Amino acid sequence: MATRDDNRTSGLWSPRTRRRTLRTGLVRPPLVFLTSLVAGALIQLAKPLPIFPGTLAVPLGAPVVVVAIALFCYAVARFRAAGTPVPARKPTTVIVSTGPYRFSRNPIYLAFSLLQLGIAIWVNSLWLMATLVGAVAVIHYVVIPREEEYLERKFGAEYLEYKRTVRRWL
C-alpha cells in the first residue's frame, strides 16, 4: 500500500497533478440534478400541474426510471472496469469508449436526465420536466464544456478523435 510520501514522489500530491484535475467549482452535476428535482417537487407541491391523465403516469414513468438506473450502473461499471474514477473532481486516467460510451460521451448525465424525466412522468409533474430543462442547460453549456476542455488538454488527439466519433448526448 502506498504511503502519502510515496504518492508525493509519484506526483499524486504535486501541484502539477492538481492542475491536471477538472475544476468544477460549485457546479457539480449530481447537485445540479438534485437541485432541479427538489425545486420541481416544491413547485409541484405548491401548484400541482399534471402532464397526463392519472392512469398513464406510473406505466409510462416507471420504465424510464428503470432504464435510467440501468444506464447509470452500466456507465459507472465501465469507468470502474477501466480503472478511472467516476467523480469529476478526481483525475481521469483513461478515455472510456466501451459500453454506453460508444454511443454517448456523457451517459451518466443522460442517466440523470432520464431519471428526472421518469420521475416527472411517474408523479405526473410538468414542473419536474420544466426544472429538468434548466438542469440539462447547465450541464450542456457549463459542465460539459469544462470537462471537454480538461480532457482535450489531458489526452489531446486521443480525446479529439473520440469526441469526433461519439456524440455528446446520443
N, C-alpha and C. Protein backbone atom coordinates (compact mmCIF):
# COMPACT_ATOMS: atom_id res chain seq x y z
N MET A 1 0.85 -1.18 0.00
CA MET A 1 0.00 0.00 0.00
C MET A 1 0.89 1.23 0.00
N ALA A 2 0.57 2.20 -0.85
CA ALA A 2 1.38 3.41 -0.97
C ALA A 2 1.13 4.34 0.21
N THR A 3 2.21 4.94 0.68
CA THR A 3 2.08 5.94 1.74
C THR A 3 1.92 7.31 1.12
N ARG A 4 1.61 8.28 1.94
CA ARG A 4 1.47 9.64 1.43
C ARG A 4 2.79 10.12 0.84
N ASP A 5 3.92 9.76 1.46
CA ASP A 5 5.22 10.15 0.93
C ASP A 5 5.48 9.51 -0.42
N ASP A 6 5.08 8.22 -0.57
CA ASP A 6 5.24 7.56 -1.87
C ASP A 6 4.42 8.28 -2.93
N ASN A 7 3.21 8.71 -2.56
CA ASN A 7 2.35 9.41 -3.51
C ASN A 7 2.95 10.75 -3.90
N ARG A 8 3.63 11.41 -2.96
CA ARG A 8 4.26 12.68 -3.30
C ARG A 8 5.32 12.48 -4.37
N THR A 9 6.12 11.45 -4.22
CA THR A 9 7.19 11.24 -5.19
C THR A 9 6.64 10.76 -6.53
N SER A 10 5.48 10.12 -6.52
CA SER A 10 4.91 9.66 -7.79
C SER A 10 4.11 10.76 -8.47
N GLY A 11 3.96 11.91 -7.81
CA GLY A 11 3.27 13.02 -8.44
C GLY A 11 1.80 13.14 -8.07
N LEU A 12 1.27 12.21 -7.28
CA LEU A 12 -0.15 12.28 -6.96
C LEU A 12 -0.51 13.49 -6.12
N TRP A 13 0.43 14.01 -5.35
CA TRP A 13 0.14 15.14 -4.48
C TRP A 13 0.79 16.43 -4.98
N SER A 14 1.39 16.39 -6.15
CA SER A 14 2.11 17.56 -6.63
C SER A 14 1.18 18.63 -7.17
N PRO A 15 1.60 19.90 -7.15
CA PRO A 15 0.80 20.97 -7.73
C PRO A 15 0.53 20.72 -9.21
N ARG A 16 1.47 20.10 -9.90
CA ARG A 16 1.29 19.81 -11.32
C ARG A 16 0.11 18.88 -11.54
N THR A 17 -0.04 17.85 -10.69
CA THR A 17 -1.16 16.93 -10.79
C THR A 17 -2.47 17.65 -10.52
N ARG A 18 -2.48 18.53 -9.52
CA ARG A 18 -3.71 19.25 -9.21
C ARG A 18 -4.18 20.06 -10.40
N ARG A 19 -3.27 20.61 -11.18
CA ARG A 19 -3.65 21.38 -12.36
C ARG A 19 -4.27 20.47 -13.41
N ARG A 20 -3.95 19.18 -13.37
CA ARG A 20 -4.48 18.26 -14.37
C ARG A 20 -5.84 17.69 -13.99
N THR A 21 -6.39 18.10 -12.87
CA THR A 21 -7.73 17.67 -12.50
C THR A 21 -8.73 18.72 -12.94
N LEU A 22 -9.95 18.29 -13.13
CA LEU A 22 -11.02 19.18 -13.55
C LEU A 22 -11.45 20.05 -12.39
N ARG A 23 -11.57 21.31 -12.63
CA ARG A 23 -12.06 22.25 -11.61
C ARG A 23 -13.54 22.51 -11.89
N THR A 24 -14.40 21.90 -11.08
CA THR A 24 -15.83 22.02 -11.30
C THR A 24 -16.45 23.18 -10.54
N GLY A 25 -15.76 23.71 -9.56
CA GLY A 25 -16.33 24.79 -8.76
C GLY A 25 -17.59 24.33 -8.05
N LEU A 26 -18.56 25.21 -7.97
CA LEU A 26 -19.81 24.87 -7.29
C LEU A 26 -20.77 24.08 -8.17
N VAL A 27 -20.49 23.99 -9.46
CA VAL A 27 -21.39 23.32 -10.39
C VAL A 27 -21.03 21.84 -10.48
N ARG A 28 -21.55 21.07 -9.56
CA ARG A 28 -21.33 19.63 -9.55
C ARG A 28 -22.57 18.95 -10.12
N PRO A 29 -22.41 18.11 -11.13
CA PRO A 29 -23.57 17.53 -11.80
C PRO A 29 -24.61 16.88 -10.89
N PRO A 30 -24.23 16.05 -9.92
CA PRO A 30 -25.28 15.48 -9.07
C PRO A 30 -26.07 16.55 -8.33
N LEU A 31 -25.39 17.62 -7.92
CA LEU A 31 -26.08 18.71 -7.21
C LEU A 31 -26.98 19.51 -8.15
N VAL A 32 -26.58 19.63 -9.40
CA VAL A 32 -27.42 20.32 -10.39
C VAL A 32 -28.74 19.57 -10.53
N PHE A 33 -28.65 18.25 -10.71
CA PHE A 33 -29.87 17.45 -10.88
C PHE A 33 -30.68 17.36 -9.59
N LEU A 34 -30.01 17.25 -8.45
CA LEU A 34 -30.71 17.22 -7.18
C LEU A 34 -31.46 18.53 -6.93
N THR A 35 -30.81 19.65 -7.20
CA THR A 35 -31.46 20.95 -7.05
C THR A 35 -32.66 21.05 -7.97
N SER A 36 -32.51 20.57 -9.17
CA SER A 36 -33.61 20.58 -10.13
C SER A 36 -34.79 19.74 -9.65
N LEU A 37 -34.49 18.56 -9.12
CA LEU A 37 -35.55 17.68 -8.59
C LEU A 37 -36.27 18.32 -7.40
N VAL A 38 -35.50 18.87 -6.47
CA VAL A 38 -36.10 19.48 -5.28
C VAL A 38 -36.94 20.69 -5.68
N ALA A 39 -36.41 21.54 -6.55
CA ALA A 39 -37.16 22.73 -6.98
C ALA A 39 -38.46 22.33 -7.67
N GLY A 40 -38.37 21.36 -8.58
CA GLY A 40 -39.57 20.91 -9.28
C GLY A 40 -40.60 20.31 -8.33
N ALA A 41 -40.12 19.54 -7.35
CA ALA A 41 -41.03 18.92 -6.38
C ALA A 41 -41.71 19.98 -5.50
N LEU A 42 -40.95 20.98 -5.08
CA LEU A 42 -41.53 22.04 -4.24
C LEU A 42 -42.57 22.85 -5.01
N ILE A 43 -42.28 23.16 -6.26
CA ILE A 43 -43.25 23.89 -7.08
C ILE A 43 -44.49 23.02 -7.31
N GLN A 44 -44.27 21.73 -7.55
CA GLN A 44 -45.40 20.81 -7.75
C GLN A 44 -46.28 20.73 -6.51
N LEU A 45 -45.67 20.73 -5.34
CA LEU A 45 -46.46 20.70 -4.09
C LEU A 45 -47.27 21.98 -3.93
N ALA A 46 -46.68 23.11 -4.31
CA ALA A 46 -47.36 24.39 -4.16
C ALA A 46 -48.45 24.60 -5.21
N LYS A 47 -48.21 24.17 -6.43
CA LYS A 47 -49.16 24.38 -7.52
C LYS A 47 -49.09 23.18 -8.46
N PRO A 48 -49.79 22.10 -8.14
CA PRO A 48 -49.73 20.90 -8.98
C PRO A 48 -50.11 21.18 -10.44
N LEU A 49 -49.32 20.63 -11.34
CA LEU A 49 -49.57 20.79 -12.77
C LEU A 49 -49.29 19.45 -13.44
N PRO A 50 -50.33 18.63 -13.64
CA PRO A 50 -50.13 17.30 -14.23
C PRO A 50 -49.83 17.36 -15.73
N ILE A 51 -49.26 16.27 -16.24
CA ILE A 51 -48.93 16.14 -17.66
C ILE A 51 -49.95 15.26 -18.36
N PHE A 52 -50.24 14.12 -17.75
CA PHE A 52 -51.08 13.08 -18.35
C PHE A 52 -52.30 12.81 -17.48
N PRO A 53 -53.27 12.10 -18.06
CA PRO A 53 -54.32 11.54 -17.19
C PRO A 53 -53.65 10.61 -16.18
N GLY A 54 -54.13 10.61 -14.96
CA GLY A 54 -53.50 9.86 -13.86
C GLY A 54 -53.19 8.41 -14.14
N THR A 55 -53.99 7.72 -14.92
CA THR A 55 -53.77 6.29 -15.14
C THR A 55 -52.56 6.00 -16.02
N LEU A 56 -52.06 6.98 -16.74
CA LEU A 56 -50.90 6.74 -17.61
C LEU A 56 -49.57 7.00 -16.93
N ALA A 57 -49.57 7.78 -15.87
CA ALA A 57 -48.33 8.25 -15.26
C ALA A 57 -47.38 7.12 -14.84
N VAL A 58 -47.83 6.23 -14.01
CA VAL A 58 -46.94 5.17 -13.50
C VAL A 58 -46.49 4.22 -14.60
N PRO A 59 -47.39 3.71 -15.46
CA PRO A 59 -46.92 2.80 -16.51
C PRO A 59 -45.94 3.44 -17.50
N LEU A 60 -46.01 4.74 -17.67
CA LEU A 60 -45.06 5.41 -18.57
C LEU A 60 -43.78 5.82 -17.85
N GLY A 61 -43.88 6.28 -16.61
CA GLY A 61 -42.72 6.78 -15.89
C GLY A 61 -41.82 5.72 -15.31
N ALA A 62 -42.40 4.66 -14.77
CA ALA A 62 -41.60 3.62 -14.11
C ALA A 62 -40.55 2.99 -15.03
N PRO A 63 -40.90 2.62 -16.27
CA PRO A 63 -39.86 2.04 -17.14
C PRO A 63 -38.72 3.02 -17.45
N VAL A 64 -39.03 4.30 -17.55
CA VAL A 64 -37.98 5.28 -17.80
C VAL A 64 -37.02 5.34 -16.61
N VAL A 65 -37.55 5.29 -15.41
CA VAL A 65 -36.72 5.28 -14.21
C VAL A 65 -35.82 4.03 -14.20
N VAL A 66 -36.38 2.90 -14.53
CA VAL A 66 -35.60 1.64 -14.56
C VAL A 66 -34.48 1.74 -15.59
N VAL A 67 -34.77 2.26 -16.77
CA VAL A 67 -33.75 2.42 -17.81
C VAL A 67 -32.66 3.37 -17.33
N ALA A 68 -33.05 4.46 -16.68
CA ALA A 68 -32.07 5.43 -16.17
C ALA A 68 -31.12 4.79 -15.16
N ILE A 69 -31.68 4.03 -14.25
CA ILE A 69 -30.85 3.37 -13.22
C ILE A 69 -29.91 2.35 -13.86
N ALA A 70 -30.42 1.59 -14.81
CA ALA A 70 -29.58 0.60 -15.50
C ALA A 70 -28.45 1.28 -16.27
N LEU A 71 -28.77 2.36 -16.98
CA LEU A 71 -27.75 3.09 -17.73
C LEU A 71 -26.68 3.65 -16.79
N PHE A 72 -27.10 4.23 -15.68
CA PHE A 72 -26.16 4.77 -14.71
C PHE A 72 -25.22 3.67 -14.19
N CYS A 73 -25.80 2.55 -13.78
CA CYS A 73 -24.99 1.44 -13.25
C CYS A 73 -24.01 0.91 -14.28
N TYR A 74 -24.46 0.79 -15.52
CA TYR A 74 -23.61 0.29 -16.60
C TYR A 74 -22.46 1.27 -16.87
N ALA A 75 -22.76 2.56 -16.92
CA ALA A 75 -21.73 3.56 -17.18
C ALA A 75 -20.69 3.59 -16.06
N VAL A 76 -21.15 3.55 -14.82
CA VAL A 76 -20.23 3.54 -13.68
C VAL A 76 -19.38 2.27 -13.70
N ALA A 77 -19.98 1.15 -14.03
CA ALA A 77 -19.24 -0.12 -14.10
C ALA A 77 -18.13 -0.05 -15.16
N ARG A 78 -18.38 0.61 -16.27
CA ARG A 78 -17.36 0.76 -17.33
C ARG A 78 -16.21 1.63 -16.82
N PHE A 79 -16.50 2.69 -16.09
CA PHE A 79 -15.46 3.53 -15.51
C PHE A 79 -14.61 2.70 -14.55
N ARG A 80 -15.28 1.98 -13.68
CA ARG A 80 -14.54 1.17 -12.70
C ARG A 80 -13.71 0.09 -13.37
N ALA A 81 -14.26 -0.56 -14.39
CA ALA A 81 -13.51 -1.60 -15.11
C ALA A 81 -12.27 -1.02 -15.78
N ALA A 82 -12.35 0.24 -16.21
CA ALA A 82 -11.22 0.89 -16.86
C ALA A 82 -10.23 1.45 -15.84
N GLY A 83 -10.62 1.46 -14.55
CA GLY A 83 -9.73 1.94 -13.51
C GLY A 83 -9.67 3.46 -13.40
N THR A 84 -10.69 4.13 -13.84
CA THR A 84 -10.72 5.59 -13.74
C THR A 84 -11.82 6.00 -12.77
N PRO A 85 -11.62 7.06 -11.99
CA PRO A 85 -12.63 7.44 -11.01
C PRO A 85 -13.87 8.05 -11.66
N VAL A 86 -15.00 7.88 -11.02
CA VAL A 86 -16.25 8.45 -11.52
C VAL A 86 -16.38 9.92 -11.16
N PRO A 87 -16.10 10.35 -9.93
CA PRO A 87 -16.27 11.77 -9.60
C PRO A 87 -15.37 12.66 -10.45
N ALA A 88 -15.93 13.74 -10.97
CA ALA A 88 -15.18 14.65 -11.84
C ALA A 88 -14.07 15.39 -11.09
N ARG A 89 -14.14 15.44 -9.78
CA ARG A 89 -13.11 16.17 -9.03
C ARG A 89 -11.81 15.38 -8.92
N LYS A 90 -11.83 14.11 -9.33
CA LYS A 90 -10.61 13.30 -9.31
C LYS A 90 -10.05 13.19 -10.73
N PRO A 91 -8.73 13.05 -10.88
CA PRO A 91 -8.13 13.00 -12.22
C PRO A 91 -8.60 11.79 -13.03
N THR A 92 -8.96 12.03 -14.26
CA THR A 92 -9.33 10.97 -15.19
C THR A 92 -8.05 10.27 -15.63
N THR A 93 -8.08 8.94 -15.68
CA THR A 93 -6.87 8.21 -16.05
C THR A 93 -6.89 7.68 -17.47
N VAL A 94 -8.08 7.43 -18.02
CA VAL A 94 -8.21 6.92 -19.39
C VAL A 94 -9.51 7.44 -20.01
N ILE A 95 -9.55 7.40 -21.34
CA ILE A 95 -10.79 7.69 -22.05
C ILE A 95 -11.55 6.37 -22.15
N VAL A 96 -12.74 6.33 -21.60
CA VAL A 96 -13.57 5.13 -21.65
C VAL A 96 -14.43 5.21 -22.91
N SER A 97 -14.32 4.20 -23.76
CA SER A 97 -15.08 4.22 -25.02
C SER A 97 -15.82 2.91 -25.25
N THR A 98 -16.05 2.17 -24.18
CA THR A 98 -16.78 0.91 -24.29
C THR A 98 -18.14 1.05 -23.61
N GLY A 99 -18.98 0.06 -23.82
CA GLY A 99 -20.30 0.09 -23.21
C GLY A 99 -21.10 1.28 -23.73
N PRO A 100 -21.78 1.99 -22.84
CA PRO A 100 -22.60 3.12 -23.29
C PRO A 100 -21.77 4.28 -23.83
N TYR A 101 -20.48 4.29 -23.52
CA TYR A 101 -19.59 5.35 -24.00
C TYR A 101 -19.29 5.21 -25.49
N ARG A 102 -19.74 4.13 -26.12
CA ARG A 102 -19.64 4.00 -27.58
C ARG A 102 -20.67 4.88 -28.27
N PHE A 103 -21.76 5.19 -27.57
CA PHE A 103 -22.89 5.92 -28.16
C PHE A 103 -23.04 7.34 -27.63
N SER A 104 -22.54 7.58 -26.43
CA SER A 104 -22.69 8.88 -25.78
C SER A 104 -21.42 9.18 -24.98
N ARG A 105 -20.94 10.41 -25.10
CA ARG A 105 -19.78 10.79 -24.30
C ARG A 105 -20.19 11.07 -22.85
N ASN A 106 -21.48 11.18 -22.60
CA ASN A 106 -21.97 11.53 -21.27
C ASN A 106 -23.14 10.67 -20.82
N PRO A 107 -22.98 9.35 -20.79
CA PRO A 107 -24.11 8.51 -20.41
C PRO A 107 -24.57 8.69 -18.96
N ILE A 108 -23.69 9.13 -18.08
CA ILE A 108 -24.11 9.36 -16.69
C ILE A 108 -25.04 10.56 -16.64
N TYR A 109 -24.72 11.63 -17.35
CA TYR A 109 -25.61 12.79 -17.39
C TYR A 109 -26.92 12.44 -18.09
N LEU A 110 -26.82 11.61 -19.10
CA LEU A 110 -28.03 11.13 -19.78
C LEU A 110 -28.89 10.33 -18.80
N ALA A 111 -28.26 9.50 -17.99
CA ALA A 111 -29.00 8.71 -16.99
C ALA A 111 -29.66 9.62 -15.96
N PHE A 112 -28.94 10.64 -15.48
CA PHE A 112 -29.54 11.59 -14.53
C PHE A 112 -30.76 12.27 -15.16
N SER A 113 -30.62 12.66 -16.42
CA SER A 113 -31.72 13.33 -17.12
C SER A 113 -32.91 12.40 -17.28
N LEU A 114 -32.64 11.16 -17.68
CA LEU A 114 -33.72 10.18 -17.83
C LEU A 114 -34.38 9.88 -16.49
N LEU A 115 -33.60 9.85 -15.43
CA LEU A 115 -34.16 9.60 -14.11
C LEU A 115 -35.16 10.69 -13.74
N GLN A 116 -34.76 11.93 -13.92
CA GLN A 116 -35.68 13.01 -13.58
C GLN A 116 -36.89 13.01 -14.51
N LEU A 117 -36.68 12.73 -15.78
CA LEU A 117 -37.80 12.64 -16.72
C LEU A 117 -38.77 11.55 -16.29
N GLY A 118 -38.23 10.38 -15.95
CA GLY A 118 -39.06 9.27 -15.50
C GLY A 118 -39.83 9.60 -14.23
N ILE A 119 -39.17 10.25 -13.30
CA ILE A 119 -39.84 10.64 -12.05
C ILE A 119 -40.94 11.66 -12.37
N ALA A 120 -40.63 12.61 -13.25
CA ALA A 120 -41.63 13.63 -13.63
C ALA A 120 -42.87 12.98 -14.22
N ILE A 121 -42.66 12.00 -15.07
CA ILE A 121 -43.80 11.30 -15.68
C ILE A 121 -44.52 10.47 -14.61
N TRP A 122 -43.75 9.75 -13.81
CA TRP A 122 -44.30 8.86 -12.78
C TRP A 122 -45.20 9.61 -11.80
N VAL A 123 -44.72 10.78 -11.34
CA VAL A 123 -45.51 11.56 -10.38
C VAL A 123 -46.39 12.59 -11.08
N ASN A 124 -46.35 12.57 -12.41
CA ASN A 124 -47.24 13.39 -13.23
C ASN A 124 -47.04 14.89 -12.96
N SER A 125 -45.80 15.35 -13.12
CA SER A 125 -45.46 16.73 -12.79
C SER A 125 -44.80 17.45 -13.96
N LEU A 126 -45.50 18.41 -14.49
CA LEU A 126 -44.92 19.25 -15.54
C LEU A 126 -43.79 20.11 -14.96
N TRP A 127 -43.91 20.46 -13.68
CA TRP A 127 -42.86 21.26 -13.04
C TRP A 127 -41.52 20.53 -13.00
N LEU A 128 -41.55 19.24 -12.73
CA LEU A 128 -40.29 18.47 -12.73
C LEU A 128 -39.68 18.43 -14.13
N MET A 129 -40.51 18.40 -15.15
CA MET A 129 -39.99 18.45 -16.52
C MET A 129 -39.39 19.82 -16.81
N ALA A 130 -40.08 20.86 -16.35
CA ALA A 130 -39.59 22.22 -16.59
C ALA A 130 -38.24 22.46 -15.91
N THR A 131 -38.10 22.01 -14.68
CA THR A 131 -36.82 22.21 -13.99
C THR A 131 -35.72 21.33 -14.59
N LEU A 132 -36.11 20.21 -15.18
CA LEU A 132 -35.13 19.36 -15.88
C LEU A 132 -34.51 20.12 -17.05
N VAL A 133 -35.29 20.90 -17.75
CA VAL A 133 -34.76 21.69 -18.87
C VAL A 133 -33.63 22.60 -18.37
N GLY A 134 -33.83 23.23 -17.23
CA GLY A 134 -32.78 24.08 -16.66
C GLY A 134 -31.53 23.30 -16.28
N ALA A 135 -31.72 22.14 -15.68
CA ALA A 135 -30.58 21.30 -15.29
C ALA A 135 -29.78 20.87 -16.51
N VAL A 136 -30.48 20.42 -17.54
CA VAL A 136 -29.80 19.97 -18.76
C VAL A 136 -29.04 21.14 -19.40
N ALA A 137 -29.62 22.33 -19.37
CA ALA A 137 -28.94 23.50 -19.92
C ALA A 137 -27.64 23.79 -19.17
N VAL A 138 -27.67 23.72 -17.85
CA VAL A 138 -26.45 23.96 -17.06
C VAL A 138 -25.40 22.90 -17.38
N ILE A 139 -25.81 21.65 -17.44
CA ILE A 139 -24.87 20.57 -17.76
C ILE A 139 -24.29 20.77 -19.16
N HIS A 140 -25.16 21.06 -20.12
CA HIS A 140 -24.74 21.18 -21.52
C HIS A 140 -23.84 22.39 -21.78
N TYR A 141 -24.18 23.53 -21.19
CA TYR A 141 -23.46 24.76 -21.51
C TYR A 141 -22.38 25.15 -20.52
N VAL A 142 -22.38 24.56 -19.32
CA VAL A 142 -21.38 24.92 -18.31
C VAL A 142 -20.48 23.73 -17.98
N VAL A 143 -21.07 22.62 -17.56
CA VAL A 143 -20.30 21.48 -17.07
C VAL A 143 -19.55 20.76 -18.19
N ILE A 144 -20.25 20.35 -19.21
CA ILE A 144 -19.62 19.55 -20.27
C ILE A 144 -18.50 20.32 -20.98
N PRO A 145 -18.68 21.59 -21.35
CA PRO A 145 -17.54 22.29 -21.98
C PRO A 145 -16.29 22.32 -21.11
N ARG A 146 -16.46 22.49 -19.80
CA ARG A 146 -15.29 22.46 -18.89
C ARG A 146 -14.62 21.09 -18.92
N GLU A 147 -15.45 20.04 -18.86
CA GLU A 147 -14.91 18.68 -18.88
C GLU A 147 -14.20 18.41 -20.20
N GLU A 148 -14.79 18.82 -21.29
CA GLU A 148 -14.18 18.56 -22.60
C GLU A 148 -12.86 19.31 -22.75
N GLU A 149 -12.79 20.52 -22.25
CA GLU A 149 -11.54 21.28 -22.30
C GLU A 149 -10.45 20.56 -21.51
N TYR A 150 -10.81 20.09 -20.32
CA TYR A 150 -9.88 19.33 -19.48
C TYR A 150 -9.39 18.07 -20.20
N LEU A 151 -10.32 17.31 -20.78
CA LEU A 151 -9.96 16.06 -21.46
C LEU A 151 -9.12 16.32 -22.70
N GLU A 152 -9.40 17.39 -23.42
CA GLU A 152 -8.58 17.74 -24.59
C GLU A 152 -7.15 18.07 -24.17
N ARG A 153 -7.02 18.83 -23.06
CA ARG A 153 -5.68 19.16 -22.56
C ARG A 153 -4.94 17.91 -22.11
N LYS A 154 -5.65 17.03 -21.41
CA LYS A 154 -5.00 15.86 -20.82
C LYS A 154 -4.69 14.77 -21.85
N PHE A 155 -5.62 14.51 -22.77
CA PHE A 155 -5.47 13.37 -23.68
C PHE A 155 -5.22 13.76 -25.14
N GLY A 156 -5.34 15.03 -25.46
CA GLY A 156 -5.01 15.51 -26.81
C GLY A 156 -5.76 14.81 -27.92
N ALA A 157 -5.00 14.31 -28.90
CA ALA A 157 -5.56 13.71 -30.11
C ALA A 157 -6.48 12.52 -29.81
N GLU A 158 -6.15 11.75 -28.77
CA GLU A 158 -6.98 10.59 -28.42
C GLU A 158 -8.41 11.05 -28.07
N TYR A 159 -8.52 12.09 -27.26
CA TYR A 159 -9.85 12.57 -26.90
C TYR A 159 -10.52 13.26 -28.08
N LEU A 160 -9.78 14.01 -28.87
CA LEU A 160 -10.37 14.69 -30.02
C LEU A 160 -10.96 13.68 -31.01
N GLU A 161 -10.28 12.56 -31.19
CA GLU A 161 -10.82 11.52 -32.07
C GLU A 161 -12.09 10.91 -31.48
N TYR A 162 -12.08 10.64 -30.19
CA TYR A 162 -13.27 10.12 -29.51
C TYR A 162 -14.41 11.12 -29.63
N LYS A 163 -14.11 12.38 -29.41
CA LYS A 163 -15.12 13.44 -29.49
C LYS A 163 -15.69 13.54 -30.91
N ARG A 164 -14.85 13.33 -31.90
CA ARG A 164 -15.28 13.40 -33.29
C ARG A 164 -16.22 12.25 -33.66
N THR A 165 -16.01 11.09 -33.04
CA THR A 165 -16.77 9.90 -33.45
C THR A 165 -17.96 9.56 -32.55
N VAL A 166 -18.04 10.15 -31.36
CA VAL A 166 -19.13 9.83 -30.43
C VAL A 166 -19.86 11.11 -30.07
N ARG A 167 -21.17 11.07 -30.14
CA ARG A 167 -21.99 12.24 -29.86
C ARG A 167 -21.96 12.60 -28.38
N ARG A 168 -22.24 13.87 -28.11
CA ARG A 168 -22.23 14.36 -26.73
C ARG A 168 -23.30 13.68 -25.89
N TRP A 169 -24.54 13.61 -26.36
CA TRP A 169 -25.64 13.04 -25.60
C TRP A 169 -26.05 11.70 -26.18
N LEU A 170 -26.57 11.69 -27.37
CA LEU A 170 -26.98 10.44 -28.05
C LEU A 170 -26.67 10.49 -29.50
